[in-house]
Amino acid sequence: MAESARKFYGNLKLFFAAVLGALLLLFAIQNTAQVELSVLFWTFEARRIVVISLSFLVGLAIGWLLKAHRTKA
């Protein structure tokens, strides 16, 4: 692949990541209500924005770990 095409696709990927990040941020900001969470035997309350953000970060970490595992194999 030519260097210019690689640079174009890298910029395109960055653009879509920024757009998706902005949409996620907008979604999270609009969902600031208090929610009740139940995990196994525990029940606690947190703001929905915290739950959304933590879910995103956990998903990001899992994706990063799986990618790291795949590249080593």
PDB file of N, CA and C in Angstrom:
ATOM      1  N   MET A   1       0.857  -1.172   0.000  1.00  0.00           N
ATOM      2  CA  MET A   1       0.000   0.000   0.000  1.00  0.00           C
ATOM      3  C   MET A   1       0.906   1.239   0.000  1.00  0.00           C
ATOM      4  N   ALA A   2       0.530   2.192  -0.764  1.00  0.00           N
ATOM      5  CA  ALA A   2       1.316   3.417  -0.868  1.00  0.00           C
ATOM      6  C   ALA A   2       1.238   4.209   0.436  1.00  0.00           C
ATOM      7  N   GLU A   3       2.254   4.983   0.689  1.00  0.00           N
ATOM      8  CA  GLU A   3       2.324   5.766   1.920  1.00  0.00           C
ATOM      9  C   GLU A   3       1.167   6.760   2.026  1.00  0.00           C
ATOM     10  N   SER A   4       0.777   7.368   0.909  1.00  0.00           N
ATOM     11  CA  SER A   4      -0.316   8.351   0.945  1.00  0.00           C
ATOM     12  C   SER A   4      -1.648   7.676   1.279  1.00  0.00           C
ATOM     13  N   ALA A   5      -1.871   6.471   0.769  1.00  0.00           N
ATOM     14  CA  ALA A   5      -3.101   5.742   1.070  1.00  0.00           C
ATOM     15  C   ALA A   5      -3.127   5.330   2.542  1.00  0.00           C
ATOM     16  N   ARG A   6      -1.990   4.906   3.069  1.00  0.00           N
ATOM     17  CA  ARG A   6      -1.909   4.522   4.478  1.00  0.00           C
ATOM     18  C   ARG A   6      -2.194   5.717   5.372  1.00  0.00           C
ATOM     19  N   LYS A   7      -1.666   6.875   4.999  1.00  0.00           N
ATOM     20  CA  LYS A   7      -1.896   8.096   5.768  1.00  0.00           C
ATOM     21  C   LYS A   7      -3.365   8.507   5.701  1.00  0.00           C
ATOM     22  N   PHE A   8      -3.978   8.364   4.518  1.00  0.00           N
ATOM     23  CA  PHE A   8      -5.384   8.705   4.346  1.00  0.00           C
ATOM     24  C   PHE A   8      -6.250   7.827   5.245  1.00  0.00           C
ATOM     25  N   TYR A   9      -6.015   6.501   5.232  1.00  0.00           N
ATOM     26  CA  TYR A   9      -6.828   5.599   6.049  1.00  0.00           C
ATOM     27  C   TYR A   9      -6.577   5.816   7.536  1.00  0.00           C
ATOM     28  N   GLY A  10      -5.362   6.184   7.895  1.00  0.00           N
ATOM     29  CA  GLY A  10      -5.081   6.509   9.297  1.00  0.00           C
ATOM     30  C   GLY A  10      -5.852   7.736   9.741  1.00  0.00           C
ATOM     31  N   ASN A  11      -5.906   8.763   8.892  1.00  0.00           N
ATOM     32  CA  ASN A  11      -6.668   9.970   9.206  1.00  0.00           C
ATOM     33  C   ASN A  11      -8.163   9.691   9.241  1.00  0.00           C
ATOM     34  N   LEU A  12      -8.641   8.841   8.330  1.00  0.00           N
ATOM     35  CA  LEU A  12     -10.053   8.474   8.295  1.00  0.00           C
ATOM     36  C   LEU A  12     -10.439   7.735   9.572  1.00  0.00           C
ATOM     37  N   LYS A  13      -9.583   6.834  10.009  1.00  0.00           N
ATOM     38  CA  LYS A  13      -9.820   6.091  11.242  1.00  0.00           C
ATOM     39  C   LYS A  13      -9.869   7.040  12.441  1.00  0.00           C
ATOM     40  N   LEU A  14      -8.955   7.983  12.477  1.00  0.00           N
ATOM     41  CA  LEU A  14      -8.919   8.973  13.555  1.00  0.00           C
ATOM     42  C   LEU A  14     -10.182   9.831  13.547  1.00  0.00           C
ATOM     43  N   PHE A  15     -10.629  10.221  12.362  1.00  0.00           N
ATOM     44  CA  PHE A  15     -11.848  11.029  12.234  1.00  0.00           C
ATOM     45  C   PHE A  15     -13.056  10.280  12.788  1.00  0.00           C
ATOM     46  N   PHE A  16     -13.220   9.014  12.394  1.00  0.00           N
ATOM     47  CA  PHE A  16     -14.364   8.236  12.870  1.00  0.00           C
ATOM     48  C   PHE A  16     -14.273   7.975  14.370  1.00  0.00           C
ATOM     49  N   ALA A  17     -13.079   7.781  14.896  1.00  0.00           N
ATOM     50  CA  ALA A  17     -12.909   7.601  16.332  1.00  0.00           C
ATOM     51  C   ALA A  17     -13.320   8.879  17.068  1.00  0.00           C
ATOM     52  N   ALA A  18     -12.959  10.035  16.535  1.00  0.00           N
ATOM     53  CA  ALA A  18     -13.321  11.308  17.157  1.00  0.00           C
ATOM     54  C   ALA A  18     -14.831  11.523  17.114  1.00  0.00           C
ATOM     55  N   VAL A  19     -15.463  11.200  15.998  1.00  0.00           N
ATOM     56  CA  VAL A  19     -16.915  11.353  15.877  1.00  0.00           C
ATOM     57  C   VAL A  19     -17.626  10.423  16.858  1.00  0.00           C
ATOM     58  N   LEU A  20     -17.200   9.164  16.925  1.00  0.00           N
ATOM     59  CA  LEU A  20     -17.822   8.224  17.860  1.00  0.00           C
ATOM     60  C   LEU A  20     -17.588   8.642  19.308  1.00  0.00           C
ATOM     61  N   GLY A  21     -16.409   9.152  19.603  1.00  0.00           N
ATOM     62  CA  GLY A  21     -16.128   9.647  20.949  1.00  0.00           C
ATOM     63  C   GLY A  21     -17.014  10.822  21.308  1.00  0.00           C
ATOM     64  N   ALA A  22     -17.210  11.742  20.367  1.00  0.00           N
ATOM     65  CA  ALA A  22     -18.077  12.899  20.606  1.00  0.00           C
ATOM     66  C   ALA A  22     -19.526  12.460  20.824  1.00  0.00           C
ATOM     67  N   LEU A  23     -19.988  11.481  20.049  1.00  0.00           N
ATOM     68  CA  LEU A  23     -21.349  10.967  20.227  1.00  0.00           C
ATOM     69  C   LEU A  23     -21.501  10.279  21.578  1.00  0.00           C
ATOM     70  N   LEU A  24     -20.503   9.533  21.987  1.00  0.00           N
ATOM     71  CA  LEU A  24     -20.543   8.879  23.292  1.00  0.00           C
ATOM     72  C   LEU A  24     -20.583   9.920  24.407  1.00  0.00           C
ATOM     73  N   LEU A  25     -19.775  10.950  24.280  1.00  0.00           N
ATOM     74  CA  LEU A  25     -19.759  12.015  25.278  1.00  0.00           C
ATOM     75  C   LEU A  25     -21.114  12.723  25.346  1.00  0.00           C
ATOM     76  N   LEU A  26     -21.696  13.030  24.206  1.00  0.00           N
ATOM     77  CA  LEU A  26     -23.011  13.666  24.155  1.00  0.00           C
ATOM     78  C   LEU A  26     -24.068  12.776  24.806  1.00  0.00           C
ATOM     79  N   PHE A  27     -24.030  11.489  24.502  1.00  0.00           N
ATOM     80  CA  PHE A  27     -24.971  10.531  25.085  1.00  0.00           C
ATOM     81  C   PHE A  27     -24.813  10.472  26.601  1.00  0.00           C
ATOM     82  N   ALA A  28     -23.573  10.438  27.054  1.00  0.00           N
ATOM     83  CA  ALA A  28     -23.318  10.347  28.494  1.00  0.00           C
ATOM     84  C   ALA A  28     -23.763  11.604  29.224  1.00  0.00           C
ATOM     85  N   ILE A  29     -23.515  12.766  28.649  1.00  0.00           N
ATOM     86  CA  ILE A  29     -23.889  14.033  29.285  1.00  0.00           C
ATOM     87  C   ILE A  29     -25.403  14.158  29.428  1.00  0.00           C
ATOM     88  N   GLN A  30     -26.136  13.607  28.485  1.00  0.00           N
ATOM     89  CA  GLN A  30     -27.592  13.695  28.529  1.00  0.00           C
ATOM     90  C   GLN A  30     -28.210  12.664  29.473  1.00  0.00           C
ATOM     91  N   ASN A  31     -27.406  11.757  30.001  1.00  0.00           N
ATOM     92  CA  ASN A  31     -27.921  10.709  30.877  1.00  0.00           C
ATOM     93  C   ASN A  31     -27.262  10.803  32.249  1.00  0.00           C
ATOM     94  N   THR A  32     -27.625  11.836  32.991  1.00  0.00           N
ATOM     95  CA  THR A  32     -27.002  12.071  34.291  1.00  0.00           C
ATOM     96  C   THR A  32     -27.885  11.645  35.461  1.00  0.00           C
ATOM     97  N   ALA A  33     -28.997  10.977  35.197  1.00  0.00           N
ATOM     98  CA  ALA A  33     -29.908  10.573  36.276  1.00  0.00           C
ATOM     99  C   ALA A  33     -29.268   9.510  37.164  1.00  0.00           C
ATOM    100  N   GLN A  34     -29.768   9.405  38.371  1.00  0.00           N
ATOM    101  CA  GLN A  34     -29.306   8.411  39.326  1.00  0.00           C
ATOM    102  C   GLN A  34     -29.948   7.063  38.961  1.00  0.00           C
ATOM    103  N   VAL A  35     -29.164   5.981  38.947  1.00  0.00           N
ATOM    104  CA  VAL A  35     -29.688   4.650  38.648  1.00  0.00           C
ATOM    105  C   VAL A  35     -29.259   3.675  39.733  1.00  0.00           C
ATOM    106  N   GLU A  36     -30.040   2.626  39.903  1.00  0.00           N
ATOM    107  CA  GLU A  36     -29.721   1.589  40.880  1.00  0.00           C
ATOM    108  C   GLU A  36     -29.123   0.403  40.145  1.00  0.00           C
ATOM    109  N   LEU A  37     -27.973  -0.065  40.610  1.00  0.00           N
ATOM    110  CA  LEU A  37     -27.289  -1.194  39.993  1.00  0.00           C
ATOM    111  C   LEU A  37     -27.280  -2.374  40.938  1.00  0.00           C
ATOM    112  N   SER A  38     -27.513  -3.552  40.385  1.00  0.00           N
ATOM    113  CA  SER A  38     -27.443  -4.776  41.173  1.00  0.00           C
ATOM    114  C   SER A  38     -26.411  -5.683  40.535  1.00  0.00           C
ATOM    115  N   VAL A  39     -25.397  -6.064  41.326  1.00  0.00           N
ATOM    116  CA  VAL A  39     -24.358  -6.971  40.862  1.00  0.00           C
ATOM    117  C   VAL A  39     -24.270  -8.091  41.896  1.00  0.00           C
ATOM    118  N   LEU A  40     -24.644  -9.290  41.489  1.00  0.00           N
ATOM    119  CA  LEU A  40     -24.688 -10.447  42.384  1.00  0.00           C
ATOM    120  C   LEU A  40     -25.500 -10.108  43.628  1.00  0.00           C
ATOM    121  N   PHE A  41     -24.854  -9.942  44.774  1.00  0.00           N
ATOM    122  CA  PHE A  41     -25.579  -9.693  46.018  1.00  0.00           C
ATOM    123  C   PHE A  41     -25.579  -8.230  46.430  1.00  0.00           C
ATOM    124  N   TRP A  42     -24.893  -7.393  45.690  1.00  0.00           N
ATOM    125  CA  TRP A  42     -24.762  -5.987  46.047  1.00  0.00           C
ATOM    126  C   TRP A  42     -25.706  -5.126  45.218  1.00  0.00           C
ATOM    127  N   THR A  43     -26.216  -4.104  45.847  1.00  0.00           N
ATOM    128  CA  THR A  43     -27.042  -3.113  45.163  1.00  0.00           C
ATOM    129  C   THR A  43     -26.528  -1.732  45.573  1.00  0.00           C
ATOM    130  N   PHE A  44     -26.300  -0.890  44.580  1.00  0.00           N
ATOM    131  CA  PHE A  44     -25.841   0.463  44.877  1.00  0.00           C
ATOM    132  C   PHE A  44     -26.355   1.415  43.819  1.00  0.00           C
ATOM    133  N   GLU A  45     -26.273   2.707  44.146  1.00  0.00           N
ATOM    134  CA  GLU A  45     -26.726   3.750  43.229  1.00  0.00           C
ATOM    135  C   GLU A  45     -25.537   4.527  42.690  1.00  0.00           C
ATOM    136  N   ALA A  46     -25.661   4.922  41.434  1.00  0.00           N
ATOM    137  CA  ALA A  46     -24.623   5.744  40.797  1.00  0.00           C
ATOM    138  C   ALA A  46     -25.281   6.556  39.689  1.00  0.00           C
ATOM    139  N   ARG A  47     -24.616   7.592  39.287  1.00  0.00           N
ATOM    140  CA  ARG A  47     -25.131   8.372  38.154  1.00  0.00           C
ATOM    141  C   ARG A  47     -24.949   7.567  36.875  1.00  0.00           C
ATOM    142  N   ARG A  48     -25.904   7.713  35.993  1.00  0.00           N
ATOM    143  CA  ARG A  48     -25.871   6.958  34.742  1.00  0.00           C
ATOM    144  C   ARG A  48     -24.621   7.280  33.922  1.00  0.00           C
ATOM    145  N   ILE A  49     -24.153   8.530  33.975  1.00  0.00           N
ATOM    146  CA  ILE A  49     -22.959   8.912  33.232  1.00  0.00           C
ATOM    147  C   ILE A  49     -21.736   8.113  33.717  1.00  0.00           C
ATOM    148  N   VAL A  50     -21.688   7.830  35.024  1.00  0.00           N
ATOM    149  CA  VAL A  50     -20.587   7.035  35.583  1.00  0.00           C
ATOM    150  C   VAL A  50     -20.674   5.602  35.081  1.00  0.00           C
ATOM    151  N   VAL A  51     -21.872   5.048  35.064  1.00  0.00           N
ATOM    152  CA  VAL A  51     -22.064   3.679  34.592  1.00  0.00           C
ATOM    153  C   VAL A  51     -21.691   3.559  33.111  1.00  0.00           C
ATOM    154  N   ILE A  52     -22.112   4.511  32.308  1.00  0.00           N
ATOM    155  CA  ILE A  52     -21.794   4.499  30.878  1.00  0.00           C
ATOM    156  C   ILE A  52     -20.287   4.622  30.672  1.00  0.00           C
ATOM    157  N   SER A  53     -19.663   5.545  31.391  1.00  0.00           N
ATOM    158  CA  SER A  53     -18.219   5.753  31.246  1.00  0.00           C
ATOM    159  C   SER A  53     -17.428   4.527  31.684  1.00  0.00           C
ATOM    160  N   LEU A  54     -17.798   3.936  32.814  1.00  0.00           N
ATOM    161  CA  LEU A  54     -17.104   2.738  33.276  1.00  0.00           C
ATOM    162  C   LEU A  54     -17.305   1.566  32.320  1.00  0.00           C
ATOM    163  N   SER A  55     -18.501   1.434  31.785  1.00  0.00           N
ATOM    164  CA  SER A  55     -18.754   0.365  30.807  1.00  0.00           C
ATOM    165  C   SER A  55     -17.892   0.552  29.566  1.00  0.00           C
ATOM    166  N   PHE A  56     -17.769   1.783  29.119  1.00  0.00           N
ATOM    167  CA  PHE A  56     -16.923   2.082  27.959  1.00  0.00           C
ATOM    168  C   PHE A  56     -15.466   1.749  28.258  1.00  0.00           C
ATOM    169  N   LEU A  57     -14.986   2.156  29.424  1.00  0.00           N
ATOM    170  CA  LEU A  57     -13.593   1.899  29.785  1.00  0.00           C
ATOM    171  C   LEU A  57     -13.306   0.411  29.947  1.00  0.00           C
ATOM    172  N   VAL A  58     -14.239  -0.340  30.513  1.00  0.00           N
ATOM    173  CA  VAL A  58     -14.066  -1.787  30.641  1.00  0.00           C
ATOM    174  C   VAL A  58     -14.025  -2.427  29.248  1.00  0.00           C
ATOM    175  N   GLY A  59     -14.902  -2.011  28.363  1.00  0.00           N
ATOM    176  CA  GLY A  59     -14.894  -2.521  26.992  1.00  0.00           C
ATOM    177  C   GLY A  59     -13.603  -2.176  26.268  1.00  0.00           C
ATOM    178  N   LEU A  60     -13.124  -0.977  26.476  1.00  0.00           N
ATOM    179  CA  LEU A  60     -11.860  -0.554  25.873  1.00  0.00           C
ATOM    180  C   LEU A  60     -10.700  -1.408  26.383  1.00  0.00           C
ATOM    181  N   ALA A  61     -10.687  -1.660  27.681  1.00  0.00           N
ATOM    182  CA  ALA A  61      -9.627  -2.478  28.277  1.00  0.00           C
ATOM    183  C   ALA A  61      -9.684  -3.917  27.766  1.00  0.00           C
ATOM    184  N   ILE A  62     -10.872  -4.479  27.660  1.00  0.00           N
ATOM    185  CA  ILE A  62     -11.012  -5.839  27.152  1.00  0.00           C
ATOM    186  C   ILE A  62     -10.540  -5.917  25.704  1.00  0.00           C
ATOM    187  N   GLY A  63     -10.928  -4.948  24.889  1.00  0.00           N
ATOM    188  CA  GLY A  63     -10.474  -4.914  23.503  1.00  0.00           C
ATOM    189  C   GLY A  63      -8.968  -4.795  23.394  1.00  0.00           C
ATOM    190  N   TRP A  64      -8.376  -3.965  24.233  1.00  0.00           N
ATOM    191  CA  TRP A  64      -6.917  -3.792  24.232  1.00  0.00           C
ATOM    192  C   TRP A  64      -6.223  -5.081  24.647  1.00  0.00           C
ATOM    193  N   LEU A  65      -6.753  -5.739  25.680  1.00  0.00           N
ATOM    194  CA  LEU A  65      -6.153  -6.994  26.142  1.00  0.00           C
ATOM    195  C   LEU A  65      -6.270  -8.092  25.092  1.00  0.00           C
ATOM    196  N   LEU A  66      -7.408  -8.178  24.436  1.00  0.00           N
ATOM    197  CA  LEU A  66      -7.577  -9.195  23.403  1.00  0.00           C
ATOM    198  C   LEU A  66      -6.689  -8.932  22.198  1.00  0.00           C
ATOM    199  N   LYS A  67      -6.519  -7.663  21.853  1.00  0.00           N
ATOM    200  CA  LYS A  67      -5.633  -7.320  20.753  1.00  0.00           C
ATOM    201  C   LYS A  67      -4.191  -7.662  21.107  1.00  0.00           C
ATOM    202  N   ALA A  68      -3.784  -7.359  22.333  1.00  0.00           N
ATOM    203  CA  ALA A  68      -2.427  -7.677  22.784  1.00  0.00           C
ATOM    204  C   ALA A  68      -2.208  -9.183  22.791  1.00  0.00           C
ATOM    205  N   HIS A  69      -3.211  -9.932  23.188  1.00  0.00           N
ATOM    206  CA  HIS A  69      -3.115 -11.395  23.207  1.00  0.00           C
ATOM    207  C   HIS A  69      -2.998 -11.950  21.783  1.00  0.00           C
ATOM    208  N   ARG A  70      -3.759 -11.390  20.860  1.00  0.00           N
ATOM    209  CA  ARG A  70      -3.764 -11.870  19.476  1.00  0.00           C
ATOM    210  C   ARG A  70      -2.433 -11.588  18.773  1.00  0.00           C
ATOM    211  N   THR A  71      -1.822 -10.458  19.068  1.00  0.00           N
ATOM    212  CA  THR A  71      -0.559 -10.116  18.400  1.00  0.00           C
ATOM    213  C   THR A  71       0.593 -10.960  18.916  1.00  0.00           C
ATOM    214  N   LYS A  72       0.531 -11.450  20.155  1.00  0.00           N
ATOM    215  CA  LYS A  72       1.585 -12.285  20.708  1.00  0.00           C
ATOM    216  C   LYS A  72       1.506 -13.717  20.199  1.00  0.00           C
ATOM    217  N   ALA A  73       0.305 -14.177  19.868  1.00  0.00           N
ATOM    218  CA  ALA A  73       0.124 -15.575  19.447  1.00  0.00           C
ATOM    219  C   ALA A  73       0.584 -15.829  18.040  1.00  0.00           C
TER     220      ALA A  73
END
